[in-house]
Protein backbone atom coordinates (compact mmCIF):
# COMPACT_ATOMS: atom_id res chain seq x y z
CA MET A 1 -28.75 -50.15 1.42
CA LYS A 2 -24.63 -50.76 1.75
CA PRO A 3 -22.46 -48.01 1.28
CA ASN A 4 -20.66 -47.80 -1.84
CA ILE A 5 -17.00 -48.20 -1.18
CA ASN A 6 -15.66 -48.20 -4.75
CA LYS A 7 -18.02 -44.85 -5.01
CA MET A 8 -16.81 -43.28 -2.09
CA LEU A 9 -13.02 -44.16 -2.79
CA LYS A 10 -14.00 -42.80 -6.26
CA ASP A 11 -15.62 -39.45 -4.71
CA ALA A 12 -12.73 -39.15 -2.35
CA GLN A 13 -10.10 -39.19 -5.43
CA ARG A 14 -11.83 -36.82 -7.40
CA ALA A 15 -12.48 -34.09 -4.33
CA GLN A 16 -8.37 -34.86 -3.29
CA GLU A 17 -7.67 -34.04 -7.83
CA LYS A 18 -9.73 -31.17 -7.31
CA MET A 19 -7.92 -29.75 -4.08
CA GLN A 20 -4.81 -30.43 -5.43
CA GLU A 21 -5.33 -28.45 -8.60
CA GLU A 22 -6.59 -25.28 -5.85
CA ILE A 23 -3.71 -25.94 -4.23
CA ALA A 24 -1.88 -25.35 -7.00
CA ALA A 25 -3.43 -21.97 -8.14
CA LEU A 26 -2.77 -20.32 -5.28
CA ARG A 27 -0.97 -16.99 -4.80
CA CYS A 28 -0.25 -16.02 -1.17
CA ALA A 29 1.59 -12.86 -0.82
CA GLY A 30 3.88 -11.94 1.70
CA THR A 31 5.20 -8.31 2.79
CA SER A 32 8.74 -6.70 5.29
CA GLY A 33 9.55 -4.11 6.06
CA GLY A 34 6.30 -2.23 6.42
CA GLY A 35 5.25 -3.43 2.61
CA VAL A 36 9.04 -2.44 1.18
CA ILE A 37 9.65 -6.07 0.03
CA ARG A 38 6.85 -8.13 -1.24
CA ALA A 39 7.53 -11.96 -2.02
CA VAL A 40 4.40 -13.94 -4.09
CA CYS A 41 4.13 -17.65 -3.73
CA ASP A 42 2.21 -20.50 -5.31
CA GLY A 43 0.56 -23.09 -3.39
CA ASN A 44 3.60 -25.52 -3.86
CA ARG A 45 5.62 -22.77 -1.59
CA ASN A 46 7.95 -21.77 -4.76
CA LEU A 47 8.17 -17.63 -5.31
CA ILE A 48 6.71 -17.04 -8.56
CA GLU A 49 7.08 -12.76 -7.82
CA LEU A 50 9.62 -10.43 -5.65
CA THR A 51 8.87 -6.82 -5.77
CA ILE A 52 11.53 -4.59 -4.06
CA ALA A 53 10.55 -0.80 -3.72
CA PRO A 54 12.74 1.62 -4.85
CA GLU A 55 13.43 3.50 -1.24
CA ALA A 56 14.66 -0.34 -0.01
CA LEU A 57 17.68 0.20 -2.65
CA GLU A 58 18.19 4.03 -1.76
CA ASP A 59 20.66 2.81 1.05
CA PRO A 60 21.62 -0.02 0.31
CA ASP A 61 23.18 -2.29 2.73
CA PRO A 62 22.76 -5.94 0.69
CA ALA A 63 22.56 -7.69 4.25
CA MET A 64 19.35 -6.02 5.20
CA VAL A 65 17.89 -5.88 1.78
CA ALA A 66 18.50 -9.78 2.36
CA ASP A 67 16.66 -10.54 5.47
CA LEU A 68 14.48 -8.34 4.06
CA VAL A 69 13.34 -10.24 0.98
CA LEU A 70 13.70 -13.52 3.58
CA ALA A 71 11.01 -12.26 5.71
CA ALA A 72 8.84 -11.41 2.74
CA VAL A 73 8.95 -14.82 1.20
CA ASN A 74 8.83 -16.63 4.93
CA ASP A 75 6.10 -14.36 5.33
CA ALA A 76 4.17 -15.68 2.58
CA GLN A 77 4.60 -19.11 2.74
CA ARG A 78 2.79 -19.07 5.69
CA VAL A 79 -0.33 -17.55 4.70
CA VAL A 80 0.43 -20.48 1.71
CA ASP A 81 0.36 -22.61 4.83
CA ALA A 82 -2.52 -21.76 6.44
CA GLU A 83 -4.56 -21.58 3.04
CA VAL A 84 -3.77 -25.20 2.45
CA GLN A 85 -4.06 -26.06 5.98
CA LYS A 86 -7.87 -24.24 5.64
CA LYS A 87 -8.90 -26.40 1.92
CA MET A 88 -7.43 -29.82 4.19
CA SER A 89 -9.43 -29.58 6.89
CA ALA A 90 -12.70 -28.98 4.41
CA LEU A 91 -11.29 -31.93 2.21
CA ALA A 92 -11.70 -33.73 5.46
CA GLY A 93 -14.81 -32.07 6.71
CA MET A 94 -16.13 -33.24 3.03
CA MET A 95 -15.38 -36.70 3.44
CA GLY A 96 -16.71 -37.19 7.38
CA LEU A 97 -13.21 -37.03 9.26
CA PRO A 98 -13.21 -35.87 12.36
CA PRO A 99 -11.95 -32.74 12.85
CA GLY A 100 -7.61 -32.40 13.15
CA PHE A 101 -7.52 -35.30 10.69
CA GLY A 102 -4.30 -34.54 8.84
CA PHE A 103 -3.42 -35.95 5.09
């Protein structure tokens, strides 16, 4: 029996679309300053939430607060990248691609 290439391509396209929806729905948090700053990014690495604990502003050093915010956002984006990589690896596995195959 011949493999149905068209069906395989449609299945792969559906799986990729589903994966893109799952990635867009991701919400990943990162923190800095021992949890004083918390950033949440979506699956597209966009900052969607930022929480600054009151104690971060008690002795306001704008440069320090800015550094903590940047660190928390970068941490959240690293988490997003790791989650996306896991999902893409799973998709590659479902499609029968060899480990490490990138999209």
